[in-house]
Structure formats: C-alpha cells, structure tokens
C-alpha cells in the first residue's frame, strides 16, 4: 500500500512538473502573441497613415496634371495667336501692287 502511495506521489510530482512546463510554455506564447499584436497594431496605424498620404498625393497629382493640361491649352492658343500675328505682319510688310 505504501509503495502504491509512493508511486502515486511520484506520478503527481511528474504531472505537476509537466504542468509547470506547459504553463511556462503557454505564458511564453502569450507574451509572444502580445508582442505580435503590438507590432500589428503599429503596422496597421502605419498602413492607415500611408493610405491617407497616398490619397493626398493622388489628389496633388491630379491637380498638377490638370494645371499642365491648362498650361498646354494656353500655350497652344498663344502659338496660334503668334502664327496669326506673323501672318498679319507678313501681309503688312509685303508690297501691295
């Protein structure tokens, strides 16, 4: 009977040791997951910031492209006016008979 009791005590000690090991491993995993959550939260905030910045840059690019198109249109009109003025000057300078 004492031998059986001793065996049971040894098994209990073994089980307790294994439980402590599992508890330690689980705590390590919890700490690792908390750290990962923190990193993910920071990464999520950075992604949101980049999304906002990207939207602002796209808007600025659209405005710049619109200004360029407007400048090109004005340039074309000025070139036409210059061509017309050159024609008028040429007609005024040419001798009329």
PDB file of N, CA and C in Angstrom:
ATOM      1  N   UNK A   1       0.825  -1.191   0.000  1.00  0.00           N
ATOM      2  CA  UNK A   1       0.000   0.000   0.000  1.00  0.00           C
ATOM      3  C   UNK A   1       0.877   1.267   0.000  1.00  0.00           C
ATOM      4  N   UNK A   2       1.944   1.240   0.816  1.00  0.00           N
ATOM      5  CA  UNK A   2       2.853   2.390   0.861  1.00  0.00           C
ATOM      6  C   UNK A   2       3.582   2.578  -0.463  1.00  0.00           C
ATOM      7  N   UNK A   3       3.913   1.465  -1.059  1.00  0.00           N
ATOM      8  CA  UNK A   3       4.599   1.537  -2.349  1.00  0.00           C
ATOM      9  C   UNK A   3       3.677   2.159  -3.406  1.00  0.00           C
ATOM     10  N   UNK A   4       2.417   1.802  -3.384  1.00  0.00           N
ATOM     11  CA  UNK A   4       1.436   2.357  -4.309  1.00  0.00           C
ATOM     12  C   UNK A   4       1.275   3.862  -4.053  1.00  0.00           C
ATOM     13  N   UNK A   5       1.254   4.229  -2.780  1.00  0.00           N
ATOM     14  CA  UNK A   5       1.149   5.633  -2.414  1.00  0.00           C
ATOM     15  C   UNK A   5       2.375   6.410  -2.898  1.00  0.00           C
ATOM     16  N   UNK A   6       3.545   5.824  -2.734  1.00  0.00           N
ATOM     17  CA  UNK A   6       4.778   6.458  -3.188  1.00  0.00           C
ATOM     18  C   UNK A   6       4.770   6.634  -4.701  1.00  0.00           C
ATOM     19  N   UNK A   7       4.323   5.618  -5.418  1.00  0.00           N
ATOM     20  CA  UNK A   7       4.235   5.707  -6.889  1.00  0.00           C
ATOM     21  C   UNK A   7       3.261   6.816  -7.301  1.00  0.00           C
ATOM     22  N   UNK A   8       2.161   6.906  -6.572  1.00  0.00           N
ATOM     23  CA  UNK A   8       1.167   7.939  -6.886  1.00  0.00           C
ATOM     24  C   UNK A   8       1.750   9.336  -6.628  1.00  0.00           C
ATOM     25  N   UNK A   9       2.505   9.479  -5.551  1.00  0.00           N
ATOM     26  CA  UNK A   9       3.146  10.754  -5.242  1.00  0.00           C
ATOM     27  C   UNK A   9       4.151  11.129  -6.332  1.00  0.00           C
ATOM     28  N   UNK A  10       4.927  10.150  -6.789  1.00  0.00           N
ATOM     29  CA  UNK A  10       5.900  10.412  -7.856  1.00  0.00           C
ATOM     30  C   UNK A  10       5.198  10.828  -9.148  1.00  0.00           C
ATOM     31  N   UNK A  11       4.105  10.138  -9.438  1.00  0.00           N
ATOM     32  CA  UNK A  11       3.341  10.496 -10.644  1.00  0.00           C
ATOM     33  C   UNK A  11       2.767  11.907 -10.513  1.00  0.00           C
ATOM     34  N   UNK A  12       2.288  12.226  -9.325  1.00  0.00           N
ATOM     35  CA  UNK A  12       1.738  13.564  -9.090  1.00  0.00           C
ATOM     36  C   UNK A  12       2.823  14.623  -9.279  1.00  0.00           C
ATOM     37  N   UNK A  13       4.008  14.346  -8.732  1.00  0.00           N
ATOM     38  CA  UNK A  13       5.116  15.284  -8.879  1.00  0.00           C
ATOM     39  C   UNK A  13       5.489  15.435 -10.346  1.00  0.00           C
ATOM     40  N   UNK A  14       5.498  14.328 -11.082  1.00  0.00           N
ATOM     41  CA  UNK A  14       5.811  14.351 -12.509  1.00  0.00           C
ATOM     42  C   UNK A  14       4.760  15.164 -13.266  1.00  0.00           C
ATOM     43  N   UNK A  15       3.508  14.933 -12.937  1.00  0.00           N
ATOM     44  CA  UNK A  15       2.416  15.667 -13.589  1.00  0.00           C
ATOM     45  C   UNK A  15       2.514  17.157 -13.257  1.00  0.00           C
ATOM     46  N   UNK A  16       2.798  17.483 -12.000  1.00  0.00           N
ATOM     47  CA  UNK A  16       2.942  18.886 -11.600  1.00  0.00           C
ATOM     48  C   UNK A  16       4.097  19.552 -12.347  1.00  0.00           C
ATOM     49  N   UNK A  17       5.187  18.828 -12.502  1.00  0.00           N
ATOM     50  CA  UNK A  17       6.344  19.363 -13.225  1.00  0.00           C
ATOM     51  C   UNK A  17       5.968  19.617 -14.689  1.00  0.00           C
ATOM     52  N   UNK A  18       5.273  18.656 -15.271  1.00  0.00           N
ATOM     53  CA  UNK A  18       4.833  18.832 -16.663  1.00  0.00           C
ATOM     54  C   UNK A  18       3.865  19.994 -16.789  1.00  0.00           C
ATOM     55  N   UNK A  19       2.981  20.129 -15.808  1.00  0.00           N
ATOM     56  CA  UNK A  19       2.030  21.245 -15.833  1.00  0.00           C
ATOM     57  C   UNK A  19       2.748  22.589 -15.733  1.00  0.00           C
ATOM     58  N   UNK A  20       3.779  22.665 -14.856  1.00  0.00           N
ATOM     59  CA  UNK A  20       4.551  23.900 -14.747  1.00  0.00           C
ATOM     60  C   UNK A  20       5.240  24.220 -16.082  1.00  0.00           C
ATOM     61  N   UNK A  21       5.772  23.186 -16.727  1.00  0.00           N
ATOM     62  CA  UNK A  21       6.428  23.379 -18.025  1.00  0.00           C
ATOM     63  C   UNK A  21       5.425  23.882 -19.070  1.00  0.00           C
ATOM     64  N   UNK A  22       4.255  23.257 -19.101  1.00  0.00           N
ATOM     65  CA  UNK A  22       3.216  23.680 -20.052  1.00  0.00           C
ATOM     66  C   UNK A  22       2.777  25.106 -19.744  1.00  0.00           C
ATOM     67  N   UNK A  23       2.626  25.412 -18.455  1.00  0.00           N
ATOM     68  CA  UNK A  23       2.236  26.770 -18.068  1.00  0.00           C
ATOM     69  C   UNK A  23       3.277  27.785 -18.523  1.00  0.00           C
ATOM     70  N   UNK A  24       4.555  27.463 -18.348  1.00  0.00           N
ATOM     71  CA  UNK A  24       5.638  28.348 -18.776  1.00  0.00           C
ATOM     72  C   UNK A  24       5.612  28.526 -20.296  1.00  0.00           C
ATOM     73  N   UNK A  25       5.416  27.417 -21.017  1.00  0.00           N
ATOM     74  CA  UNK A  25       5.352  27.493 -22.484  1.00  0.00           C
ATOM     75  C   UNK A  25       4.165  28.340 -22.934  1.00  0.00           C
ATOM     76  N   UNK A  26       3.030  28.145 -22.260  1.00  0.00           N
ATOM     77  CA  UNK A  26       1.848  28.936 -22.612  1.00  0.00           C
ATOM     78  C   UNK A  26       2.065  30.419 -22.315  1.00  0.00           C
ATOM     79  N   UNK A  27       2.714  30.718 -21.216  1.00  0.00           N
ATOM     80  CA  UNK A  27       2.993  32.113 -20.887  1.00  0.00           C
ATOM     81  C   UNK A  27       3.936  32.732 -21.918  1.00  0.00           C
ATOM     82  N   UNK A  28       4.937  31.967 -22.349  1.00  0.00           N
ATOM     83  CA  UNK A  28       5.832  32.451 -23.403  1.00  0.00           C
ATOM     84  C   UNK A  28       5.049  32.739 -24.677  1.00  0.00           C
ATOM     85  N   UNK A  29       4.132  31.834 -24.997  1.00  0.00           N
ATOM     86  CA  UNK A  29       3.323  32.023 -26.207  1.00  0.00           C
ATOM     87  C   UNK A  29       2.429  33.251 -26.064  1.00  0.00           C
ATOM     88  N   UNK A  30       1.841  33.456 -24.891  1.00  0.00           N
ATOM     89  CA  UNK A  30       1.006  34.632 -24.643  1.00  0.00           C
ATOM     90  C   UNK A  30       1.830  35.900 -24.822  1.00  0.00           C
ATOM     91  N   UNK A  31       3.034  35.910 -24.249  1.00  0.00           N
ATOM     92  CA  UNK A  31       3.908  37.079 -24.390  1.00  0.00           C
ATOM     93  C   UNK A  31       4.264  37.323 -25.849  1.00  0.00           C
ATOM     94  N   UNK A  32       4.544  36.247 -26.565  1.00  0.00           N
ATOM     95  CA  UNK A  32       4.882  36.364 -27.983  1.00  0.00           C
ATOM     96  C   UNK A  32       3.698  36.929 -28.770  1.00  0.00           C
ATOM     97  N   UNK A  33       2.498  36.441 -28.466  1.00  0.00           N
ATOM     98  CA  UNK A  33       1.307  36.928 -29.173  1.00  0.00           C
ATOM     99  C   UNK A  33       0.991  38.378 -28.819  1.00  0.00           C
ATOM    100  N   UNK A  34       1.228  38.765 -27.568  1.00  0.00           N
ATOM    101  CA  UNK A  34       1.025  40.175 -27.180  1.00  0.00           C
ATOM    102  C   UNK A  34       1.984  41.078 -27.946  1.00  0.00           C
ATOM    103  N   UNK A  35       3.226  40.627 -28.056  1.00  0.00           N
ATOM    104  CA  UNK A  35       4.221  41.406 -28.804  1.00  0.00           C
ATOM    105  C   UNK A  35       3.824  41.511 -30.275  1.00  0.00           C
ATOM    106  N   UNK A  36       3.349  40.406 -30.840  1.00  0.00           N
ATOM    107  CA  UNK A  36       2.921  40.407 -32.238  1.00  0.00           C
ATOM    108  C   UNK A  36       1.721  41.327 -32.435  1.00  0.00           C
ATOM    109  N   UNK A  37       0.794  41.312 -31.470  1.00  0.00           N
ATOM    110  CA  UNK A  37      -0.374  42.195 -31.548  1.00  0.00           C
ATOM    111  C   UNK A  37       0.063  43.655 -31.529  1.00  0.00           C
ATOM    112  N   UNK A  38       1.027  43.963 -30.677  1.00  0.00           N
ATOM    113  CA  UNK A  38       1.536  45.330 -30.614  1.00  0.00           C
ATOM    114  C   UNK A  38       2.154  45.740 -31.946  1.00  0.00           C
ATOM    115  N   UNK A  39       2.956  44.842 -32.522  1.00  0.00           N
ATOM    116  CA  UNK A  39       3.578  45.134 -33.820  1.00  0.00           C
ATOM    117  C   UNK A  39       2.515  45.304 -34.897  1.00  0.00           C
ATOM    118  N   UNK A  40       1.501  44.428 -34.870  1.00  0.00           N
ATOM    119  CA  UNK A  40       0.434  44.514 -35.872  1.00  0.00           C
ATOM    120  C   UNK A  40      -0.351  45.807 -35.738  1.00  0.00           C
ATOM    121  N   UNK A  41      -0.572  46.243 -34.501  1.00  0.00           N
ATOM    122  CA  UNK A  41      -1.297  47.497 -34.275  1.00  0.00           C
ATOM    123  C   UNK A  41      -0.510  48.672 -34.842  1.00  0.00           C
ATOM    124  N   UNK A  42       0.809  48.670 -34.589  1.00  0.00           N
ATOM    125  CA  UNK A  42       1.659  49.736 -35.130  1.00  0.00           C
ATOM    126  C   UNK A  42       1.666  49.686 -36.657  1.00  0.00           C
ATOM    127  N   UNK A  43       1.775  48.479 -37.215  1.00  0.00           N
ATOM    128  CA  UNK A  43       1.785  48.333 -38.677  1.00  0.00           C
ATOM    129  C   UNK A  43       0.459  48.794 -39.263  1.00  0.00           C
ATOM    130  N   UNK A  44      -0.639  48.488 -38.587  1.00  0.00           N
ATOM    131  CA  UNK A  44      -1.959  48.908 -39.057  1.00  0.00           C
ATOM    132  C   UNK A  44      -2.063  50.429 -39.084  1.00  0.00           C
ATOM    133  N   UNK A  45      -1.558  51.060 -38.044  1.00  0.00           N
ATOM    134  CA  UNK A  45      -1.577  52.534 -37.997  1.00  0.00           C
ATOM    135  C   UNK A  45      -0.725  53.111 -39.122  1.00  0.00           C
ATOM    136  N   UNK A  46       0.426  52.488 -39.379  1.00  0.00           N
ATOM    137  CA  UNK A  46       1.290  52.967 -40.461  1.00  0.00           C
ATOM    138  C   UNK A  46       0.609  52.798 -41.817  1.00  0.00           C
ATOM    139  N   UNK A  47      -0.078  51.678 -42.004  1.00  0.00           N
ATOM    140  CA  UNK A  47      -0.784  51.447 -43.270  1.00  0.00           C
ATOM    141  C   UNK A  47      -1.871  52.502 -43.461  1.00  0.00           C
ATOM    142  N   UNK A  48      -2.597  52.799 -42.388  1.00  0.00           N
ATOM    143  CA  UNK A  48      -3.641  53.828 -42.489  1.00  0.00           C
ATOM    144  C   UNK A  48      -3.036  55.184 -42.838  1.00  0.00           C
ATOM    145  N   UNK A  49      -1.918  55.523 -42.189  1.00  0.00           N
ATOM    146  CA  UNK A  49      -1.237  56.787 -42.492  1.00  0.00           C
ATOM    147  C   UNK A  49      -0.789  56.831 -43.951  1.00  0.00           C
ATOM    148  N   UNK A  50      -0.227  55.717 -44.424  1.00  0.00           N
ATOM    149  CA  UNK A  50       0.224  55.657 -45.818  1.00  0.00           C
ATOM    150  C   UNK A  50      -0.958  55.765 -46.779  1.00  0.00           C
ATOM    151  N   UNK A  51      -2.084  55.173 -46.411  1.00  0.00           N
ATOM    152  CA  UNK A  51      -3.279  55.252 -47.250  1.00  0.00           C
ATOM    153  C   UNK A  51      -3.733  56.702 -47.390  1.00  0.00           C
ATOM    154  N   UNK A  52      -3.749  57.416 -46.260  1.00  0.00           N
ATOM    155  CA  UNK A  52      -4.152  58.829 -46.281  1.00  0.00           C
ATOM    156  C   UNK A  52      -3.147  59.639 -47.100  1.00  0.00           C
ATOM    157  N   UNK A  53      -1.859  59.397 -46.858  1.00  0.00           N
ATOM    158  CA  UNK A  53      -0.824  60.133 -47.594  1.00  0.00           C
ATOM    159  C   UNK A  53      -0.920  59.848 -49.085  1.00  0.00           C
ATOM    160  N   UNK A  54      -1.177  58.598 -49.438  1.00  0.00           N
ATOM    161  CA  UNK A  54      -1.312  58.223 -50.844  1.00  0.00           C
ATOM    162  C   UNK A  54      -2.494  58.959 -51.483  1.00  0.00           C
ATOM    163  N   UNK A  55      -3.603  59.038 -50.756  1.00  0.00           N
ATOM    164  CA  UNK A  55      -4.771  59.753 -51.281  1.00  0.00           C
ATOM    165  C   UNK A  55      -4.443  61.228 -51.511  1.00  0.00           C
ATOM    166  N   UNK A  56      -3.711  61.818 -50.588  1.00  0.00           N
ATOM    167  CA  UNK A  56      -3.322  63.227 -50.735  1.00  0.00           C
ATOM    168  C   UNK A  56      -2.392  63.405 -51.934  1.00  0.00           C
ATOM    169  N   UNK A  57      -1.454  62.480 -52.101  1.00  0.00           N
ATOM    170  CA  UNK A  57      -0.532  62.571 -53.231  1.00  0.00           C
ATOM    171  C   UNK A  57      -1.266  62.402 -54.561  1.00  0.00           C
ATOM    172  N   UNK A  58      -2.231  61.486 -54.593  1.00  0.00           N
ATOM    173  CA  UNK A  58      -3.007  61.311 -55.819  1.00  0.00           C
ATOM    174  C   UNK A  58      -3.785  62.578 -56.164  1.00  0.00           C
ATOM    175  N   UNK A  59      -4.365  63.208 -55.147  1.00  0.00           N
ATOM    176  CA  UNK A  59      -5.100  64.449 -55.380  1.00  0.00           C
ATOM    177  C   UNK A  59      -4.156  65.530 -55.899  1.00  0.00           C
ATOM    178  N   UNK A  60      -2.981  65.636 -55.298  1.00  0.00           N
ATOM    179  CA  UNK A  60      -1.996  66.627 -55.758  1.00  0.00           C
ATOM    180  C   UNK A  60      -1.561  66.326 -57.183  1.00  0.00           C
ATOM    181  N   UNK A  61      -1.386  65.049 -57.505  1.00  0.00           N
ATOM    182  CA  UNK A  61      -1.003  64.662 -58.870  1.00  0.00           C
ATOM    183  C   UNK A  61      -2.098  65.036 -59.863  1.00  0.00           C
ATOM    184  N   UNK A  62      -3.354  64.774 -59.499  1.00  0.00           N
ATOM    185  CA  UNK A  62      -4.476  65.145 -60.377  1.00  0.00           C
ATOM    186  C   UNK A  62      -4.500  66.648 -60.622  1.00  0.00           C
ATOM    187  N   UNK A  63      -4.294  67.419 -59.558  1.00  0.00           N
ATOM    188  CA  UNK A  63      -4.295  68.878 -59.710  1.00  0.00           C
ATOM    189  C   UNK A  63      -3.140  69.331 -60.599  1.00  0.00           C
ATOM    190  N   UNK A  64      -1.974  68.728 -60.421  1.00  0.00           N
ATOM    191  CA  UNK A  64      -0.811  69.078 -61.231  1.00  0.00           C
ATOM    192  C   UNK A  64      -1.056  68.734 -62.695  1.00  0.00           C
ATOM    193  N   UNK A  65      -1.635  67.559 -62.937  1.00  0.00           N
ATOM    194  CA  UNK A  65      -1.939  67.167 -64.315  1.00  0.00           C
ATOM    195  C   UNK A  65      -2.946  68.125 -64.936  1.00  0.00           C
ATOM    196  N   UNK A  66      -3.948  68.546 -64.145  1.00  0.00           N
ATOM    197  CA  UNK A  66      -4.945  69.490 -64.653  1.00  0.00           C
ATOM    198  C   UNK A  66      -4.294  70.829 -64.989  1.00  0.00           C
ATOM    199  N   UNK A  67      -3.384  71.285 -64.128  1.00  0.00           N
ATOM    200  CA  UNK A  67      -2.672  72.539 -64.407  1.00  0.00           C
ATOM    201  C   UNK A  67      -1.828  72.413 -65.672  1.00  0.00           C
ATOM    202  N   UNK A  68      -1.194  71.255 -65.842  1.00  0.00           N
ATOM    203  CA  UNK A  68      -0.378  71.041 -67.035  1.00  0.00           C
ATOM    204  C   UNK A  68      -1.241  71.087 -68.290  1.00  0.00           C
ATOM    205  N   UNK A  69      -2.414  70.444 -68.246  1.00  0.00           N
ATOM    206  CA  UNK A  69      -3.314  70.468 -69.408  1.00  0.00           C
ATOM    207  C   UNK A  69      -3.763  71.897 -69.710  1.00  0.00           C
ATOM    208  N   UNK A  70      -4.062  72.644 -68.649  1.00  0.00           N
ATOM    209  CA  UNK A  70      -4.475  74.041 -68.844  1.00  0.00           C
ATOM    210  C   UNK A  70      -3.334  74.849 -69.463  1.00  0.00           C
ATOM    211  N   UNK A  71      -2.129  74.648 -68.963  1.00  0.00           N
ATOM    212  CA  UNK A  71      -0.965  75.365 -69.497  1.00  0.00           C
ATOM    213  C   UNK A  71      -0.724  74.970 -70.954  1.00  0.00           C
ATOM    214  N   UNK A  72      -0.883  73.693 -71.275  1.00  0.00           N
ATOM    215  CA  UNK A  72      -0.700  73.253 -72.665  1.00  0.00           C
ATOM    216  C   UNK A  72      -1.746  73.884 -73.580  1.00  0.00           C
ATOM    217  N   UNK A  73      -3.017  73.971 -73.082  1.00  0.00           N
ATOM    218  CA  UNK A  73      -4.069  74.609 -73.880  1.00  0.00           C
ATOM    219  C   UNK A  73      -3.747  76.090 -74.113  1.00  0.00           C
ATOM    220  N   UNK A  74      -3.324  76.776 -73.053  1.00  0.00           N
ATOM    221  CA  UNK A  74      -2.971  78.190 -73.187  1.00  0.00           C
ATOM    222  C   UNK A  74      -1.785  78.356 -74.131  1.00  0.00           C
ATOM    223  N   UNK A  75      -0.812  77.478 -74.027  1.00  0.00           N
ATOM    224  CA  UNK A  75       0.357  77.524 -74.905  1.00  0.00           C
ATOM    225  C   UNK A  75      -0.064  77.349 -76.364  1.00  0.00           C
ATOM    226  N   UNK A  76      -0.964  76.397 -76.614  1.00  0.00           N
ATOM    227  CA  UNK A  76      -1.453  76.163 -77.979  1.00  0.00           C
ATOM    228  C   UNK A  76      -2.148  77.412 -78.514  1.00  0.00           C
ATOM    229  N   UNK A  77      -2.997  78.024 -77.667  1.00  0.00           N
ATOM    230  CA  UNK A  77      -3.700  79.237 -78.101  1.00  0.00           C
ATOM    231  C   UNK A  77      -2.716  80.375 -78.373  1.00  0.00           C
ATOM    232  N   UNK A  78      -1.703  80.513 -77.532  1.00  0.00           N
ATOM    233  CA  UNK A  78      -0.694  81.543 -77.755  1.00  0.00           C
ATOM    234  C   UNK A  78       0.077  81.291 -79.049  1.00  0.00           C
ATOM    235  N   UNK A  79       0.400  80.037 -79.311  1.00  0.00           N
ATOM    236  CA  UNK A  79       1.106  79.716 -80.553  1.00  0.00           C
ATOM    237  C   UNK A  79       0.248  80.050 -81.769  1.00  0.00           C
ATOM    238  N   UNK A  80      -1.059  79.795 -81.661  1.00  0.00           N
ATOM    239  CA  UNK A  80      -1.960  80.160 -82.772  1.00  0.00           C
ATOM    240  C   UNK A  80      -2.010  81.676 -82.958  1.00  0.00           C
ATOM    241  N   UNK A  81      -2.063  82.405 -81.837  1.00  0.00           N
ATOM    242  CA  UNK A  81      -2.081  83.868 -81.921  1.00  0.00           C
ATOM    243  C   UNK A  81      -0.792  84.382 -82.550  1.00  0.00           C
ATOM    244  N   UNK A  82       0.347  83.787 -82.153  1.00  0.00           N
ATOM    245  CA  UNK A  82       1.635  84.197 -82.727  1.00  0.00           C
ATOM    246  C   UNK A  82       1.638  83.926 -84.233  1.00  0.00           C
ATOM    247  N   UNK A  83       1.137  82.767 -84.626  1.00  0.00           N
ATOM    248  CA  UNK A  83       1.098  82.441 -86.059  1.00  0.00           C
ATOM    249  C   UNK A  83       0.209  83.439 -86.800  1.00  0.00           C
ATOM    250  N   UNK A  84      -0.937  83.781 -86.213  1.00  0.00           N
ATOM    251  CA  UNK A  84      -1.831  84.752 -86.843  1.00  0.00           C
ATOM    252  C   UNK A  84      -1.175  86.132 -86.927  1.00  0.00           C
ATOM    253  N   UNK A  85      -0.506  86.538 -85.846  1.00  0.00           N
ATOM    254  CA  UNK A  85       0.183  87.823 -85.860  1.00  0.00           C
ATOM    255  C   UNK A  85       1.303  87.838 -86.904  1.00  0.00           C
ATOM    256  N   UNK A  86       2.037  86.731 -87.005  1.00  0.00           N
ATOM    257  CA  UNK A  86       3.091  86.647 -88.023  1.00  0.00           C
ATOM    258  C   UNK A  86       2.500  86.779 -89.423  1.00  0.00           C
ATOM    259  N   UNK A  87       1.343  86.167 -89.640  1.00  0.00           N
ATOM    260  CA  UNK A  87       0.683  86.286 -90.948  1.00  0.00           C
ATOM    261  C   UNK A  87       0.288  87.737 -91.226  1.00  0.00           C
ATOM    262  N   UNK A  88      -0.254  88.391 -90.189  1.00  0.00           N
ATOM    263  CA  UNK A  88      -0.664  89.795 -90.353  1.00  0.00           C
ATOM    264  C   UNK A  88       0.563  90.661 -90.653  1.00  0.00           C
ATOM    265  N   UNK A  89       1.651  90.459 -89.897  1.00  0.00           N
ATOM    266  CA  UNK A  89       2.866  91.236 -90.127  1.00  0.00           C
ATOM    267  C   UNK A  89       3.396  90.971 -91.529  1.00  0.00           C
ATOM    268  N   UNK A  90       3.388  89.707 -91.939  1.00  0.00           N
ATOM    269  CA  UNK A  90       3.872  89.349 -93.267  1.00  0.00           C
ATOM    270  C   UNK A  90       3.004  90.042 -94.336  1.00  0.00           C
ATOM    271  N   UNK A  91       1.702  90.053 -94.132  1.00  0.00           N
ATOM    272  CA  UNK A  91       0.805  90.702 -95.095  1.00  0.00           C
ATOM    273  C   UNK A  91       1.027  92.215 -95.109  1.00  0.00           C
ATOM    274  N   UNK A  92       1.291  92.793 -93.948  1.00  0.00           N
ATOM    275  CA  UNK A  92       1.530  94.243 -93.902  1.00  0.00           C
ATOM    276  C   UNK A  92       2.865  94.597 -94.517  1.00  0.00           C
ATOM    277  N   UNK A  93       3.836  93.723 -94.349  1.00  0.00           N
ATOM    278  CA  UNK A  93       5.180  94.020 -94.853  1.00  0.00           C
ATOM    279  C   UNK A  93       5.308  93.718 -96.324  1.00  0.00           C
ATOM    280  N   UNK A  94       4.466  92.875 -96.869  1.00  0.00           N
ATOM    281  CA  UNK A  94       4.617  92.544 -98.286  1.00  0.00           C
ATOM    282  C   UNK A  94       4.098  93.712 -99.136  1.00  0.00           C
ATOM    283  N   UNK A  95       4.830  93.962-100.235  1.00  0.00           N
ATOM    284  CA  UNK A  95       4.412  95.092-101.093  1.00  0.00           C
ATOM    285  C   UNK A  95       3.090  94.774-101.788  1.00  0.00           C
ATOM    286  N   UNK A  96       2.230  95.726-101.785  1.00  0.00           N
ATOM    287  CA  UNK A  96       0.949  95.527-102.440  1.00  0.00           C
ATOM    288  C   UNK A  96       0.983  96.250-103.790  1.00  0.00           C
ATOM    289  N   UNK A  97       0.504  95.641-104.825  1.00  0.00           N
ATOM    290  CA  UNK A  97       0.516  96.241-106.171  1.00  0.00           C
ATOM    291  C   UNK A  97      -0.843  96.583-106.620  1.00  0.00           C
TER     292      UNK A  97
END
